Amino acid sequence: MTLAPTLITLDALKVGSSGTVVHVAPGDAGDGADLARRLMELGFVPGEKIRMLKRGMPGGEPLAIKVGNSTFALRRFEAALISLQPE
């Protein structure tokens, strides 16, 4: 019997942790497909390794995320669209 991998969303990843992108979901708003496309254009594509660098203060926003050789700041609702397999 094989166990299914545990997936989390990027907004739940702890600072200093890494993971591999599995899926980018469209958001609930009318422009959700545009947001998902923008995230994928930035490099959040299935199979890509990412690392949570830092959370802003106060409130934990924005999130500093390293993708490849680039670093991006995402809002929590944007990070919640990205499903990943934590390492």
C-alpha atoms as a PDB file:
ATOM      1  CA  MET A   1       0.000   0.000   0.000  1.00  0.00           C
ATOM      2  CA  THR A   2       1.378   3.396  -0.953  1.00  0.00           C
ATOM      3  CA  LEU A   3       0.483   6.572   0.851  1.00  0.00           C
ATOM      4  CA  ALA A   4      -0.485   9.668  -1.096  1.00  0.00           C
ATOM      5  CA  PRO A   5       1.962  12.528  -0.601  1.00  0.00           C
ATOM      6  CA  THR A   6       0.863  15.229   1.813  1.00  0.00           C
ATOM      7  CA  LEU A   7       0.291  18.494  -0.010  1.00  0.00           C
ATOM      8  CA  ILE A   8       0.188  21.923   1.607  1.00  0.00           C
ATOM      9  CA  THR A   9      -0.283  25.387   0.216  1.00  0.00           C
ATOM     10  CA  LEU A  10       2.639  27.767   0.014  1.00  0.00           C
ATOM     11  CA  ASP A  11       1.157  30.114   2.626  1.00  0.00           C
ATOM     12  CA  ALA A  12       1.435  27.266   5.197  1.00  0.00           C
ATOM     13  CA  LEU A  13       5.134  26.561   4.528  1.00  0.00           C
ATOM     14  CA  LYS A  14       7.408  27.426   7.453  1.00  0.00           C
ATOM     15  CA  VAL A  15      10.250  29.920   7.141  1.00  0.00           C
ATOM     16  CA  GLY A  16      13.421  28.149   6.018  1.00  0.00           C
ATOM     17  CA  SER A  17      11.500  25.175   4.575  1.00  0.00           C
ATOM     18  CA  SER A  18      11.476  24.036   0.953  1.00  0.00           C
ATOM     19  CA  GLY A  19       9.071  22.242  -1.295  1.00  0.00           C
ATOM     20  CA  THR A  20       8.209  21.359  -4.875  1.00  0.00           C
ATOM     21  CA  VAL A  21       5.309  23.008  -6.698  1.00  0.00           C
ATOM     22  CA  VAL A  22       2.585  20.523  -7.620  1.00  0.00           C
ATOM     23  CA  HIS A  23      -0.274  22.743  -8.808  1.00  0.00           C
ATOM     24  CA  VAL A  24      -1.320  26.391  -9.213  1.00  0.00           C
ATOM     25  CA  ALA A  25      -5.068  26.864  -8.778  1.00  0.00           C
ATOM     26  CA  PRO A  26      -7.115  29.735 -10.177  1.00  0.00           C
ATOM     27  CA  GLY A  27      -8.401  32.114  -7.504  1.00  0.00           C
ATOM     28  CA  ASP A  28     -12.021  32.658  -6.541  1.00  0.00           C
ATOM     29  CA  ALA A  29     -12.234  36.185  -7.934  1.00  0.00           C
ATOM     30  CA  GLY A  30     -13.121  36.929 -11.552  1.00  0.00           C
ATOM     31  CA  ASP A  31      -9.443  37.448 -12.428  1.00  0.00           C
ATOM     32  CA  GLY A  32      -8.349  34.124 -10.880  1.00  0.00           C
ATOM     33  CA  ALA A  33      -7.135  32.628 -14.157  1.00  0.00           C
ATOM     34  CA  ASP A  34      -5.039  35.748 -14.795  1.00  0.00           C
ATOM     35  CA  LEU A  35      -3.477  35.487 -11.334  1.00  0.00           C
ATOM     36  CA  ALA A  36      -2.666  31.791 -11.789  1.00  0.00           C
ATOM     37  CA  ARG A  37      -1.109  32.557 -15.173  1.00  0.00           C
ATOM     38  CA  ARG A  38       0.965  35.400 -13.670  1.00  0.00           C
ATOM     39  CA  LEU A  39       2.252  33.120 -10.910  1.00  0.00           C
ATOM     40  CA  MET A  40       3.224  30.493 -13.481  1.00  0.00           C
ATOM     41  CA  GLU A  41       4.981  33.134 -15.593  1.00  0.00           C
ATOM     42  CA  LEU A  42       7.015  34.088 -12.512  1.00  0.00           C
ATOM     43  CA  GLY A  43       8.232  30.503 -12.221  1.00  0.00           C
ATOM     44  CA  PHE A  44       5.713  28.823  -9.914  1.00  0.00           C
ATOM     45  CA  VAL A  45       5.283  25.834 -12.229  1.00  0.00           C
ATOM     46  CA  PRO A  46       4.823  22.155 -11.348  1.00  0.00           C
ATOM     47  CA  GLY A  47       8.144  20.513 -10.522  1.00  0.00           C
ATOM     48  CA  GLU A  48       9.904  23.755  -9.535  1.00  0.00           C
ATOM     49  CA  LYS A  49      11.683  23.835  -6.161  1.00  0.00           C
ATOM     50  CA  ILE A  50      10.855  26.757  -3.887  1.00  0.00           C
ATOM     51  CA  ARG A  51      11.999  27.983  -0.465  1.00  0.00           C
ATOM     52  CA  MET A  52      10.231  30.189   2.083  1.00  0.00           C
ATOM     53  CA  LEU A  53      12.764  32.858   3.038  1.00  0.00           C
ATOM     54  CA  LYS A  54      10.861  35.197   5.335  1.00  0.00           C
ATOM     55  CA  ARG A  55       7.478  36.502   6.443  1.00  0.00           C
ATOM     56  CA  GLY A  56       6.891  40.217   6.844  1.00  0.00           C
ATOM     57  CA  MET A  57       5.850  41.835  10.095  1.00  0.00           C
ATOM     58  CA  PRO A  58       3.236  42.500  11.354  1.00  0.00           C
ATOM     59  CA  GLY A  59       0.709  39.954  10.182  1.00  0.00           C
ATOM     60  CA  GLY A  60       3.100  37.756   8.222  1.00  0.00           C
ATOM     61  CA  GLU A  61       2.775  39.568   4.892  1.00  0.00           C
ATOM     62  CA  PRO A  62       4.351  39.735   2.400  1.00  0.00           C
ATOM     63  CA  LEU A  63       6.023  36.359   2.047  1.00  0.00           C
ATOM     64  CA  ALA A  64       9.536  36.278   0.571  1.00  0.00           C
ATOM     65  CA  ILE A  65       9.819  33.200  -1.673  1.00  0.00           C
ATOM     66  CA  LYS A  66      12.873  31.958  -3.583  1.00  0.00           C
ATOM     67  CA  VAL A  67      12.145  30.298  -6.935  1.00  0.00           C
ATOM     68  CA  GLY A  68      15.235  29.218  -8.852  1.00  0.00           C
ATOM     69  CA  ASN A  69      17.619  32.189  -8.703  1.00  0.00           C
ATOM     70  CA  SER A  70      14.854  34.755  -8.163  1.00  0.00           C
ATOM     71  CA  THR A  71      13.145  36.045  -5.027  1.00  0.00           C
ATOM     72  CA  PHE A  72       9.532  37.199  -5.049  1.00  0.00           C
ATOM     73  CA  ALA A  73       7.211  38.817  -2.521  1.00  0.00           C
ATOM     74  CA  LEU A  74       3.729  37.303  -2.493  1.00  0.00           C
ATOM     75  CA  ARG A  75       0.614  38.129  -0.527  1.00  0.00           C
ATOM     76  CA  ARG A  76      -0.877  35.300   1.501  1.00  0.00           C
ATOM     77  CA  PHE A  77      -3.909  34.880  -0.759  1.00  0.00           C
ATOM     78  CA  GLU A  78      -1.572  34.485  -3.761  1.00  0.00           C
ATOM     79  CA  ALA A  79       0.569  31.914  -1.934  1.00  0.00           C
ATOM     80  CA  ALA A  80      -2.592  29.989  -0.972  1.00  0.00           C
ATOM     81  CA  LEU A  81      -3.160  29.206  -4.677  1.00  0.00           C
ATOM     82  CA  ILE A  82       0.108  27.253  -4.919  1.00  0.00           C
ATOM     83  CA  SER A  83       0.015  23.608  -3.783  1.00  0.00           C
ATOM     84  CA  LEU A  84       3.319  21.962  -3.010  1.00  0.00           C
ATOM     85  CA  GLN A  85       4.968  18.843  -1.688  1.00  0.00           C
ATOM     86  CA  PRO A  86       7.077  19.881   1.331  1.00  0.00           C
ATOM     87  CA  GLU A  87      10.579  18.445   1.685  1.00  0.00           C
END
